[in-house]
Structures are given as structure tokens and as C-alpha cells.
Amino acid sequence: MVKKVLTWGGLAFLVFFIAFRPDSAADVFKSLGGGIMDIAQGFGDFFTSLVA
């Protein structure tokens, strides 16, 4: 039950954040995407070095 409430609360906050602060929301998602890309690049470099 708590998980369900937290999930719906998080979703409501996300919609509110995007609706009322779209520029800030875009910056947050750009930062998250950049971080994920950096992690993926690190794994790629690791496996390239491991194989080569």
C-alpha cells in the first residue's frame, strides 16, 4: 500500500514539475541523460580496453 501511494505521489510530482517548470524539468532530464551516457561510455571504454 505504501509503495502504491509513493508511486502515485511521485508521478503527480513529476507531472506538476513538468507542467509548471518545463525549463527546469528539461534541464533535470538533460543532466540525467548525460549522466547515463557517461556511465555507458565508461562501460564501453572498460570493455574495449579489456578486449584489446
PDB file of N, CA and C in Angstrom:
ATOM      1  N   MET A   1       0.827  -1.201   0.000  1.00  0.00           N
ATOM      2  CA  MET A   1       0.000   0.000   0.000  1.00  0.00           C
ATOM      3  C   MET A   1       0.867   1.258   0.000  1.00  0.00           C
ATOM      4  N   VAL A   2       1.924   1.260   0.805  1.00  0.00           N
ATOM      5  CA  VAL A   2       2.812   2.430   0.881  1.00  0.00           C
ATOM      6  C   VAL A   2       3.508   2.638  -0.465  1.00  0.00           C
ATOM      7  N   LYS A   3       3.938   1.548  -1.080  1.00  0.00           N
ATOM      8  CA  LYS A   3       4.608   1.638  -2.379  1.00  0.00           C
ATOM      9  C   LYS A   3       3.683   2.261  -3.419  1.00  0.00           C
ATOM     10  N   LYS A   4       2.435   1.877  -3.393  1.00  0.00           N
ATOM     11  CA  LYS A   4       1.459   2.411  -4.340  1.00  0.00           C
ATOM     12  C   LYS A   4       1.260   3.914  -4.126  1.00  0.00           C
ATOM     13  N   VAL A   5       1.155   4.332  -2.880  1.00  0.00           N
ATOM     14  CA  VAL A   5       0.973   5.751  -2.567  1.00  0.00           C
ATOM     15  C   VAL A   5       2.200   6.552  -2.994  1.00  0.00           C
ATOM     16  N   LEU A   6       3.391   6.042  -2.713  1.00  0.00           N
ATOM     17  CA  LEU A   6       4.613   6.741  -3.098  1.00  0.00           C
ATOM     18  C   LEU A   6       4.763   6.817  -4.616  1.00  0.00           C
ATOM     19  N   THR A   7       4.379   5.760  -5.308  1.00  0.00           N
ATOM     20  CA  THR A   7       4.452   5.762  -6.767  1.00  0.00           C
ATOM     21  C   THR A   7       3.533   6.829  -7.351  1.00  0.00           C
ATOM     22  N   TRP A   8       2.277   6.856  -6.894  1.00  0.00           N
ATOM     23  CA  TRP A   8       1.330   7.859  -7.394  1.00  0.00           C
ATOM     24  C   TRP A   8       1.747   9.265  -6.988  1.00  0.00           C
ATOM     25  N   GLY A   9       2.291   9.428  -5.805  1.00  0.00           N
ATOM     26  CA  GLY A   9       2.779  10.732  -5.367  1.00  0.00           C
ATOM     27  C   GLY A   9       3.942  11.212  -6.225  1.00  0.00           C
ATOM     28  N   GLY A  10       4.861  10.308  -6.523  1.00  0.00           N
ATOM     29  CA  GLY A  10       5.995  10.646  -7.387  1.00  0.00           C
ATOM     30  C   GLY A  10       5.547  11.014  -8.791  1.00  0.00           C
ATOM     31  N   LEU A  11       4.585  10.286  -9.307  1.00  0.00           N
ATOM     32  CA  LEU A  11       4.054  10.584 -10.635  1.00  0.00           C
ATOM     33  C   LEU A  11       3.355  11.945 -10.653  1.00  0.00           C
ATOM     34  N   ALA A  12       2.574  12.230  -9.612  1.00  0.00           N
ATOM     35  CA  ALA A  12       1.896  13.522  -9.521  1.00  0.00           C
ATOM     36  C   ALA A  12       2.914  14.656  -9.430  1.00  0.00           C
ATOM     37  N   PHE A  13       3.976  14.464  -8.656  1.00  0.00           N
ATOM     38  CA  PHE A  13       5.015  15.485  -8.553  1.00  0.00           C
ATOM     39  C   PHE A  13       5.694  15.705  -9.899  1.00  0.00           C
ATOM     40  N   LEU A  14       5.959  14.625 -10.620  1.00  0.00           N
ATOM     41  CA  LEU A  14       6.595  14.722 -11.932  1.00  0.00           C
ATOM     42  C   LEU A  14       5.730  15.521 -12.899  1.00  0.00           C
ATOM     43  N   VAL A  15       4.443  15.222 -12.946  1.00  0.00           N
ATOM     44  CA  VAL A  15       3.532  15.955 -13.826  1.00  0.00           C
ATOM     45  C   VAL A  15       3.470  17.428 -13.413  1.00  0.00           C
ATOM     46  N   PHE A  16       3.377  17.700 -12.119  1.00  0.00           N
ATOM     47  CA  PHE A  16       3.347  19.074 -11.618  1.00  0.00           C
ATOM     48  C   PHE A  16       4.622  19.817 -12.003  1.00  0.00           C
ATOM     49  N   PHE A  17       5.777  19.164 -11.818  1.00  0.00           N
ATOM     50  CA  PHE A  17       7.072  19.773 -12.110  1.00  0.00           C
ATOM     51  C   PHE A  17       7.185  20.099 -13.591  1.00  0.00           C
ATOM     52  N   ILE A  18       6.778  19.185 -14.449  1.00  0.00           N
ATOM     53  CA  ILE A  18       6.849  19.411 -15.890  1.00  0.00           C
ATOM     54  C   ILE A  18       5.865  20.502 -16.322  1.00  0.00           C
ATOM     55  N   ALA A  19       4.676  20.514 -15.732  1.00  0.00           N
ATOM     56  CA  ALA A  19       3.649  21.477 -16.135  1.00  0.00           C
ATOM     57  C   ALA A  19       3.994  22.911 -15.716  1.00  0.00           C
ATOM     58  N   PHE A  20       4.547  23.085 -14.530  1.00  0.00           N
ATOM     59  CA  PHE A  20       4.759  24.435 -14.020  1.00  0.00           C
ATOM     60  C   PHE A  20       6.195  24.935 -14.146  1.00  0.00           C
ATOM     61  N   ARG A  21       7.135  24.061 -14.392  1.00  0.00           N
ATOM     62  CA  ARG A  21       8.531  24.463 -14.596  1.00  0.00           C
ATOM     63  C   ARG A  21       9.148  23.625 -15.722  1.00  0.00           C
ATOM     64  N   PRO A  22       8.679  23.818 -16.941  1.00  0.00           N
ATOM     65  CA  PRO A  22       9.173  22.984 -18.041  1.00  0.00           C
ATOM     66  C   PRO A  22      10.665  23.161 -18.333  1.00  0.00           C
ATOM     67  N   ASP A  23      11.177  24.383 -18.189  1.00  0.00           N
ATOM     68  CA  ASP A  23      12.610  24.596 -18.452  1.00  0.00           C
ATOM     69  C   ASP A  23      13.474  23.878 -17.431  1.00  0.00           C
ATOM     70  N   SER A  24      13.094  23.971 -16.169  1.00  0.00           N
ATOM     71  CA  SER A  24      13.849  23.279 -15.121  1.00  0.00           C
ATOM     72  C   SER A  24      13.748  21.763 -15.292  1.00  0.00           C
ATOM     73  N   ALA A  25      12.566  21.289 -15.645  1.00  0.00           N
ATOM     74  CA  ALA A  25      12.380  19.851 -15.852  1.00  0.00           C
ATOM     75  C   ALA A  25      13.258  19.360 -17.003  1.00  0.00           C
ATOM     76  N   ALA A  26      13.333  20.143 -18.069  1.00  0.00           N
ATOM     77  CA  ALA A  26      14.179  19.767 -19.201  1.00  0.00           C
ATOM     78  C   ALA A  26      15.648  19.713 -18.793  1.00  0.00           C
ATOM     79  N   ASP A  27      16.073  20.666 -17.982  1.00  0.00           N
ATOM     80  CA  ASP A  27      17.465  20.659 -17.509  1.00  0.00           C
ATOM     81  C   ASP A  27      17.756  19.433 -16.661  1.00  0.00           C
ATOM     82  N   VAL A  28      16.816  19.057 -15.810  1.00  0.00           N
ATOM     83  CA  VAL A  28      17.000  17.870 -14.972  1.00  0.00           C
ATOM     84  C   VAL A  28      17.135  16.623 -15.846  1.00  0.00           C
ATOM     85  N   PHE A  29      16.261  16.492 -16.834  1.00  0.00           N
ATOM     86  CA  PHE A  29      16.322  15.309 -17.686  1.00  0.00           C
ATOM     87  C   PHE A  29      17.563  15.299 -18.564  1.00  0.00           C
ATOM     88  N   LYS A  30      18.034  16.473 -18.988  1.00  0.00           N
ATOM     89  CA  LYS A  30      19.289  16.539 -19.738  1.00  0.00           C
ATOM     90  C   LYS A  30      20.450  16.076 -18.864  1.00  0.00           C
ATOM     91  N   SER A  31      20.459  16.508 -17.611  1.00  0.00           N
ATOM     92  CA  SER A  31      21.523  16.109 -16.690  1.00  0.00           C
ATOM     93  C   SER A  31      21.500  14.600 -16.441  1.00  0.00           C
ATOM     94  N   LEU A  32      20.304  14.058 -16.225  1.00  0.00           N
ATOM     95  CA  LEU A  32      20.188  12.613 -16.018  1.00  0.00           C
ATOM     96  C   LEU A  32      20.634  11.843 -17.254  1.00  0.00           C
ATOM     97  N   GLY A  33      20.216  12.312 -18.418  1.00  0.00           N
ATOM     98  CA  GLY A  33      20.623  11.656 -19.664  1.00  0.00           C
ATOM     99  C   GLY A  33      22.129  11.718 -19.860  1.00  0.00           C
ATOM    100  N   GLY A  34      22.711  12.858 -19.551  1.00  0.00           N
ATOM    101  CA  GLY A  34      24.166  12.999 -19.663  1.00  0.00           C
ATOM    102  C   GLY A  34      24.903  12.068 -18.720  1.00  0.00           C
ATOM    103  N   GLY A  35      24.381  11.923 -17.511  1.00  0.00           N
ATOM    104  CA  GLY A  35      24.997  11.003 -16.548  1.00  0.00           C
ATOM    105  C   GLY A  35      24.913   9.560 -17.009  1.00  0.00           C
ATOM    106  N   ILE A  36      23.774   9.180 -17.550  1.00  0.00           N
ATOM    107  CA  ILE A  36      23.611   7.811 -18.058  1.00  0.00           C
ATOM    108  C   ILE A  36      24.546   7.581 -19.240  1.00  0.00           C
ATOM    109  N   MET A  37      24.686   8.578 -20.103  1.00  0.00           N
ATOM    110  CA  MET A  37      25.597   8.447 -21.243  1.00  0.00           C
ATOM    111  C   MET A  37      27.043   8.324 -20.778  1.00  0.00           C
ATOM    112  N   ASP A  38      27.429   9.064 -19.743  1.00  0.00           N
ATOM    113  CA  ASP A  38      28.790   8.965 -19.211  1.00  0.00           C
ATOM    114  C   ASP A  38      29.055   7.570 -18.647  1.00  0.00           C
ATOM    115  N   ILE A  39      28.083   7.012 -17.956  1.00  0.00           N
ATOM    116  CA  ILE A  39      28.228   5.662 -17.408  1.00  0.00           C
ATOM    117  C   ILE A  39      28.366   4.649 -18.535  1.00  0.00           C
ATOM    118  N   ALA A  40      27.513   4.775 -19.550  1.00  0.00           N
ATOM    119  CA  ALA A  40      27.582   3.853 -20.687  1.00  0.00           C
ATOM    120  C   ALA A  40      28.928   3.976 -21.401  1.00  0.00           C
ATOM    121  N   GLN A  41      29.412   5.194 -21.558  1.00  0.00           N
ATOM    122  CA  GLN A  41      30.714   5.408 -22.194  1.00  0.00           C
ATOM    123  C   GLN A  41      31.826   4.756 -21.368  1.00  0.00           C
ATOM    124  N   GLY A  42      31.735   4.874 -20.055  1.00  0.00           N
ATOM    125  CA  GLY A  42      32.732   4.246 -19.186  1.00  0.00           C
ATOM    126  C   GLY A  42      32.738   2.733 -19.319  1.00  0.00           C
ATOM    127  N   PHE A  43      31.545   2.120 -19.346  1.00  0.00           N
ATOM    128  CA  PHE A  43      31.473   0.671 -19.548  1.00  0.00           C
ATOM    129  C   PHE A  43      32.042   0.286 -20.911  1.00  0.00           C
ATOM    130  N   GLY A  44      31.723   1.065 -21.941  1.00  0.00           N
ATOM    131  CA  GLY A  44      32.244   0.785 -23.269  1.00  0.00           C
ATOM    132  C   GLY A  44      33.758   0.863 -23.312  1.00  0.00           C
ATOM    133  N   ASP A  45      34.311   1.901 -22.686  1.00  0.00           N
ATOM    134  CA  ASP A  45      35.776   2.041 -22.636  1.00  0.00           C
ATOM    135  C   ASP A  45      36.407   0.879 -21.872  1.00  0.00           C
ATOM    136  N   PHE A  46      35.779   0.467 -20.793  1.00  0.00           N
ATOM    137  CA  PHE A  46      36.293  -0.638 -19.997  1.00  0.00           C
ATOM    138  C   PHE A  46      36.355  -1.920 -20.810  1.00  0.00           C
ATOM    139  N   PHE A  47      35.239  -2.248 -21.471  1.00  0.00           N
ATOM    140  CA  PHE A  47      35.210  -3.493 -22.247  1.00  0.00           C
ATOM    141  C   PHE A  47      36.123  -3.422 -23.484  1.00  0.00           C
ATOM    142  N   THR A  48      36.268  -2.242 -24.061  1.00  0.00           N
ATOM    143  CA  THR A  48      37.206  -2.082 -25.185  1.00  0.00           C
ATOM    144  C   THR A  48      38.632  -2.318 -24.704  1.00  0.00           C
ATOM    145  N   SER A  49      38.987  -1.766 -23.556  1.00  0.00           N
ATOM    146  CA  SER A  49      40.323  -1.970 -23.011  1.00  0.00           C
ATOM    147  C   SER A  49      40.543  -3.412 -22.597  1.00  0.00           C
ATOM    148  N   LEU A  50      39.495  -4.053 -22.126  1.00  0.00           N
ATOM    149  CA  LEU A  50      39.585  -5.434 -21.668  1.00  0.00           C
ATOM    150  C   LEU A  50      39.854  -6.383 -22.839  1.00  0.00           C
ATOM    151  N   VAL A  51      39.211  -6.125 -23.955  1.00  0.00           N
ATOM    152  CA  VAL A  51      39.334  -6.997 -25.124  1.00  0.00           C
ATOM    153  C   VAL A  51      40.609  -6.701 -25.907  1.00  0.00           C
ATOM    154  N   ALA A  52      40.990  -5.437 -25.986  1.00  0.00           N
ATOM    155  CA  ALA A  52      42.141  -5.050 -26.815  1.00  0.00           C
ATOM    156  C   ALA A  52      43.456  -5.413 -26.189  1.00  0.00           C
TER     157      ALA A  52
END
